[in-house]
Amino acid sequence: MPSTKGERRDDTTQGTGEATGEATRPSAGPAREGDAAAPGTSYRRLSDPRELAALAHPVRLGIMELLTVDGPLTATELADRLDETPANCSWHLRKLAEHEFVEEAGGGIGRQRPWQVRSVGLAWDDVAATPGELRAGRALEEMLLQRQVTRFQQARAQLLDDGDRDWAEAATSTQYASWLTVDELDELNLEIRAVLERYADRLTDASKRPGGSRLCELVAWGAPLLLPGVEAVPADATGTEDRTDDDAADAS
């Protein structure tokens, strides 16, 4: 996603699972003011703690995810997929509608009325947030990350149990640690986000989904690793690659 240095960063999610501070994304990455949404997304910026709190419920996240990837759906259809009662799903749909996350798609009556999401992506400011927004955003982010980690573990186990080794091998996790400046961390996170959004348009446009494709969840975050006793390199320190041959000889 295009970005400009110095603009505000927020957390975002694309609707199938967060983002750091982003989140449902319901639930995938951060958007900034002035950014154009990735193809297939239409980020809605959340600023009211009540909006963030309204999403922080497992049934509501499940509803948002299903409506995003396979909507419109009725309360009865959602209940069958989420192992809930139609009455419970109807209640949660009304709560989501109060905050304009979902709306009726038209047609049907009662619990047979189809519902749809109003926007695909969600974003919220994690740096300039008020204390209330920060608490609500962190609660939502924590719930999303827990869901994503659990789903990754379950997917890997089920794929292996089903003997689907090609997909099991493709479903991997990667972790690295290195020493970065704030600008380098910022740049890397933006590059990773751009990679994750490469096929964003397929989420909302079924005609662009190739044969054999499956709905996949991609999660990434980059943040300082705060280990006990490990301090940041002083801002005025000079890296070893900048030392002269004389300096190296003196050091020896």
Protein backbone atom coordinates (compact mmCIF):
# COMPACT_ATOMS: atom_id res chain seq x y z
CA MET A 1 0.00 0.00 0.00
CA PRO A 2 1.42 3.40 -0.92
CA SER A 3 2.77 5.36 1.99
CA THR A 4 4.47 8.62 2.84
CA LYS A 5 7.06 9.08 5.58
CA GLY A 6 5.77 10.96 8.57
CA GLU A 7 2.11 10.14 8.04
CA ARG A 8 0.10 8.50 10.78
CA ARG A 9 0.26 4.73 11.06
CA ASP A 10 -2.59 2.62 12.24
CA ASP A 11 -3.28 -1.03 12.69
CA THR A 12 -5.47 -2.66 10.10
CA THR A 13 -7.16 -5.90 9.27
CA GLN A 14 -8.72 -7.12 6.13
CA GLY A 15 -11.64 -9.03 7.41
CA THR A 16 -10.51 -12.63 7.61
CA GLY A 17 -8.77 -12.70 10.76
CA GLU A 18 -5.74 -8.56 12.49
CA ALA A 19 -3.44 -6.82 12.17
CA THR A 20 -1.32 -5.38 14.75
CA GLY A 21 -3.46 -2.86 16.05
CA GLU A 22 -5.23 -3.52 13.02
CA ALA A 23 -7.40 -6.10 13.31
CA THR A 24 -10.52 -8.12 12.28
CA ARG A 25 -8.67 -6.98 10.64
CA PRO A 26 -12.13 -8.71 11.56
CA SER A 27 -9.20 -10.55 11.30
CA ALA A 28 -4.79 -9.06 8.55
CA GLY A 29 -2.04 -4.81 8.55
CA PRO A 30 -1.93 -1.04 9.15
CA ALA A 31 -3.42 1.75 7.00
CA ARG A 32 -2.42 5.36 7.05
CA GLU A 33 -4.14 8.56 6.18
CA GLY A 34 -3.60 9.37 2.56
CA ASP A 35 -3.06 5.73 1.67
CA ALA A 36 -5.10 4.23 -1.12
CA ALA A 37 -6.75 0.98 -0.11
CA ALA A 38 -5.36 -2.15 -1.69
CA PRO A 39 -7.38 -3.63 -4.55
CA GLY A 40 -10.44 -5.35 -3.14
CA THR A 41 -10.35 -3.51 0.18
CA SER A 42 -12.17 -0.49 1.54
CA TYR A 43 -10.66 0.25 4.94
CA ARG A 44 -12.91 1.82 7.53
CA ARG A 45 -11.07 3.79 10.19
CA LEU A 46 -12.32 3.16 13.74
CA SER A 47 -11.96 5.92 16.32
CA ASP A 48 -14.65 5.14 18.91
CA PRO A 49 -13.68 2.67 21.67
CA ARG A 50 -17.26 1.39 21.57
CA GLU A 51 -16.76 0.33 17.94
CA LEU A 52 -13.60 -1.60 18.82
CA ALA A 53 -15.26 -3.17 21.87
CA ALA A 54 -18.27 -4.20 19.78
CA LEU A 55 -16.00 -6.36 17.60
CA ALA A 56 -14.11 -8.00 20.46
CA HIS A 57 -16.40 -11.02 20.74
CA PRO A 58 -15.67 -14.42 19.17
CA VAL A 59 -19.15 -14.85 17.67
CA ARG A 60 -19.12 -11.37 16.15
CA LEU A 61 -15.65 -11.91 14.73
CA GLY A 62 -16.85 -15.18 13.24
CA ILE A 63 -19.86 -13.45 11.72
CA MET A 64 -17.73 -10.68 10.25
CA GLU A 65 -15.28 -13.18 8.76
CA LEU A 66 -17.97 -15.32 7.14
CA LEU A 67 -19.86 -12.34 5.77
CA THR A 68 -16.61 -10.96 4.37
CA VAL A 69 -15.49 -14.10 2.56
CA ASP A 70 -18.84 -15.76 1.77
CA GLY A 71 -21.67 -13.29 2.34
CA PRO A 72 -24.42 -12.33 2.18
CA LEU A 73 -25.68 -14.88 4.72
CA THR A 74 -28.74 -15.15 6.94
CA ALA A 75 -28.72 -15.55 10.72
CA THR A 76 -29.77 -19.17 10.23
CA GLU A 77 -26.94 -19.88 7.80
CA LEU A 78 -24.43 -18.21 10.11
CA ALA A 79 -25.75 -20.23 13.05
CA ASP A 80 -25.22 -23.50 11.17
CA ARG A 81 -21.59 -22.60 10.36
CA LEU A 82 -20.70 -21.19 13.78
CA ASP A 83 -22.53 -23.85 15.81
CA GLU A 84 -24.69 -21.16 17.40
CA THR A 85 -28.44 -20.63 17.59
CA PRO A 86 -30.17 -18.43 14.98
CA ALA A 87 -31.48 -16.25 17.81
CA ASN A 88 -27.96 -15.65 19.14
CA CYS A 89 -26.63 -14.81 15.68
CA SER A 90 -29.55 -12.44 15.09
CA TRP A 91 -28.74 -10.62 18.33
CA HIS A 92 -25.06 -10.26 17.42
CA LEU A 93 -25.97 -9.11 13.91
CA ARG A 94 -28.12 -6.35 15.38
CA LYS A 95 -25.27 -5.28 17.65
CA LEU A 96 -22.89 -5.15 14.69
CA ALA A 97 -25.48 -3.22 12.71
CA GLU A 98 -25.74 -0.64 15.53
CA HIS A 99 -22.11 0.25 14.81
CA GLU A 100 -22.60 0.01 11.03
CA PHE A 101 -20.33 -2.99 10.54
CA VAL A 102 -23.08 -4.96 8.79
CA GLU A 103 -26.33 -4.19 7.02
CA GLU A 104 -29.26 -6.06 5.54
CA ALA A 105 -28.61 -7.14 1.96
CA GLY A 106 -32.30 -7.05 1.05
CA GLY A 107 -34.86 -9.82 0.68
CA GLY A 108 -36.07 -12.42 3.14
CA ILE A 109 -37.93 -12.02 6.41
CA GLY A 110 -37.05 -12.56 10.05
CA ARG A 111 -33.97 -14.71 10.51
CA GLN A 112 -34.01 -15.53 6.81
CA ARG A 113 -32.96 -11.98 5.94
CA PRO A 114 -29.47 -11.95 4.37
CA TRP A 115 -26.79 -9.69 5.87
CA GLN A 116 -23.59 -8.28 4.38
CA VAL A 117 -20.56 -6.34 5.60
CA ARG A 118 -20.44 -2.62 4.89
CA SER A 119 -16.67 -2.53 4.32
CA VAL A 120 -13.99 -5.17 3.85
CA GLY A 121 -11.09 -3.73 5.85
CA LEU A 122 -10.81 -2.10 9.27
CA ALA A 123 -8.12 0.23 10.59
CA TRP A 124 -7.50 2.08 13.84
CA ASP A 125 -4.89 4.48 15.09
CA ASP A 126 -2.59 2.78 17.59
CA VAL A 127 -0.18 5.63 18.29
CA ALA A 128 -2.28 8.78 18.61
CA ALA A 129 -5.16 6.87 20.24
CA THR A 130 -6.87 7.96 23.44
CA PRO A 131 -6.43 5.68 26.49
CA GLY A 132 -9.89 4.25 25.88
CA GLU A 133 -9.18 3.56 22.21
CA LEU A 134 -5.84 2.02 23.11
CA ARG A 135 -7.37 -0.38 25.66
CA ALA A 136 -10.15 -1.40 23.29
CA GLY A 137 -7.76 -1.78 20.36
CA ARG A 138 -5.35 -3.93 22.37
CA ALA A 139 -8.18 -6.18 23.57
CA LEU A 140 -9.35 -6.70 20.00
CA GLU A 141 -5.81 -7.23 18.72
CA GLU A 142 -5.09 -9.83 21.42
CA MET A 143 -8.26 -11.74 20.58
CA LEU A 144 -7.43 -11.68 16.88
CA LEU A 145 -3.86 -12.88 17.37
CA GLN A 146 -5.02 -15.73 19.59
CA ARG A 147 -7.55 -16.76 16.95
CA GLN A 148 -4.94 -16.62 14.21
CA VAL A 149 -2.34 -18.65 16.09
CA THR A 150 -4.94 -21.25 17.04
CA ARG A 151 -6.20 -21.50 13.47
CA PHE A 152 -2.67 -21.90 12.11
CA GLN A 153 -2.01 -24.78 14.49
CA GLN A 154 -5.35 -26.40 13.72
CA ALA A 155 -4.86 -26.04 9.96
CA ARG A 156 -1.42 -27.62 10.04
CA ALA A 157 -2.67 -30.53 12.15
CA GLN A 158 -5.77 -31.13 10.01
CA LEU A 159 -3.86 -30.95 6.72
CA LEU A 160 -1.39 -33.54 7.98
CA ASP A 161 -4.17 -35.75 9.36
CA ASP A 162 -5.96 -35.54 6.01
CA GLY A 163 -2.77 -36.51 4.18
CA ASP A 164 -2.77 -33.20 2.28
CA ARG A 165 1.01 -32.88 2.41
CA ASP A 166 1.40 -30.33 -0.38
CA TRP A 167 -0.77 -27.81 1.48
CA ALA A 168 0.77 -28.76 4.83
CA GLU A 169 4.25 -28.06 3.48
CA ALA A 170 3.12 -24.76 1.95
CA ALA A 171 1.62 -23.65 5.27
CA THR A 172 4.76 -22.50 7.07
CA SER A 173 5.84 -20.03 9.71
CA THR A 174 9.03 -17.99 9.64
CA GLN A 175 10.74 -16.03 12.39
CA TYR A 176 13.81 -13.81 12.29
CA ALA A 177 15.46 -11.36 14.63
CA SER A 178 17.93 -8.63 13.67
CA TRP A 179 19.10 -5.18 14.66
CA LEU A 180 17.16 -2.46 12.81
CA THR A 181 16.67 1.27 13.03
CA VAL A 182 13.14 2.60 13.36
CA ASP A 183 13.17 3.59 9.68
CA GLU A 184 14.34 0.13 8.63
CA LEU A 185 11.64 -1.56 10.72
CA ASP A 186 9.05 0.78 9.24
CA GLU A 187 10.23 0.04 5.70
CA LEU A 188 10.29 -3.73 6.22
CA ASN A 189 6.77 -3.76 7.65
CA LEU A 190 5.52 -1.80 4.64
CA GLU A 191 7.26 -4.18 2.23
CA ILE A 192 5.79 -7.22 3.98
CA ARG A 193 2.36 -5.66 3.94
CA ALA A 194 2.63 -5.00 0.22
CA VAL A 195 3.45 -8.69 -0.33
CA LEU A 196 0.51 -9.82 1.81
CA GLU A 197 -1.84 -7.60 -0.19
CA ARG A 198 -0.67 -8.91 -3.56
CA TYR A 199 -3.82 -10.97 -4.08
CA ALA A 200 -6.22 -8.83 -2.03
CA ASP A 201 -8.63 -8.40 -4.92
CA ARG A 202 -9.44 -12.12 -4.88
CA LEU A 203 -11.16 -11.75 -1.53
CA THR A 204 -14.05 -9.82 -3.05
CA ASP A 205 -13.85 -10.89 -6.71
CA ALA A 206 -14.50 -14.61 -7.10
CA SER A 207 -13.71 -14.47 -10.82
CA LYS A 208 -10.03 -13.83 -10.00
CA ARG A 209 -9.63 -16.96 -7.87
CA PRO A 210 -7.61 -19.60 -9.77
CA GLY A 211 -8.60 -23.23 -9.87
CA GLY A 212 -7.33 -25.20 -6.88
CA SER A 213 -7.03 -22.11 -4.68
CA ARG A 214 -8.09 -22.12 -1.03
CA LEU A 215 -8.86 -19.32 1.39
CA CYS A 216 -5.55 -18.66 3.19
CA GLU A 217 -4.71 -16.49 6.17
CA LEU A 218 -1.45 -14.51 6.16
CA VAL A 219 -0.32 -12.86 9.39
CA ALA A 220 2.84 -10.85 9.99
CA TRP A 221 4.12 -8.33 12.48
CA GLY A 222 7.42 -6.62 13.17
CA ALA A 223 8.23 -5.02 16.51
CA PRO A 224 11.20 -4.48 18.83
CA LEU A 225 12.16 -7.63 20.73
CA LEU A 226 12.29 -6.51 24.36
CA LEU A 227 14.60 -9.03 26.06
CA PRO A 228 15.82 -8.52 29.65
CA GLY A 229 19.22 -6.85 29.72
CA VAL A 230 19.36 -6.27 25.95
CA GLU A 231 19.56 -2.53 25.34
CA ALA A 232 19.23 -0.48 22.17
CA VAL A 233 22.41 0.61 20.41
CA PRO A 234 23.07 4.29 21.26
CA ALA A 235 21.95 6.63 18.51
CA ASP A 236 25.46 8.08 18.14
CA ALA A 237 27.19 4.68 17.96
CA THR A 238 29.12 3.76 14.81
CA GLY A 239 28.65 0.31 13.32
CA THR A 240 31.65 -1.97 12.84
CA GLU A 241 31.23 -1.77 9.07
CA ASP A 242 32.04 1.96 9.27
CA ARG A 243 35.31 1.52 11.16
CA THR A 244 38.54 2.31 9.32
CA ASP A 245 41.45 -0.09 8.96
CA ASP A 246 43.41 2.00 11.51
CA ASP A 247 40.56 1.64 14.01
CA ALA A 248 40.53 -2.10 13.49
CA ALA A 249 44.33 -2.28 13.98
CA ASP A 250 44.11 -0.24 17.19
CA ALA A 251 41.34 -2.50 18.47
CA SER A 252 43.55 -5.55 17.91
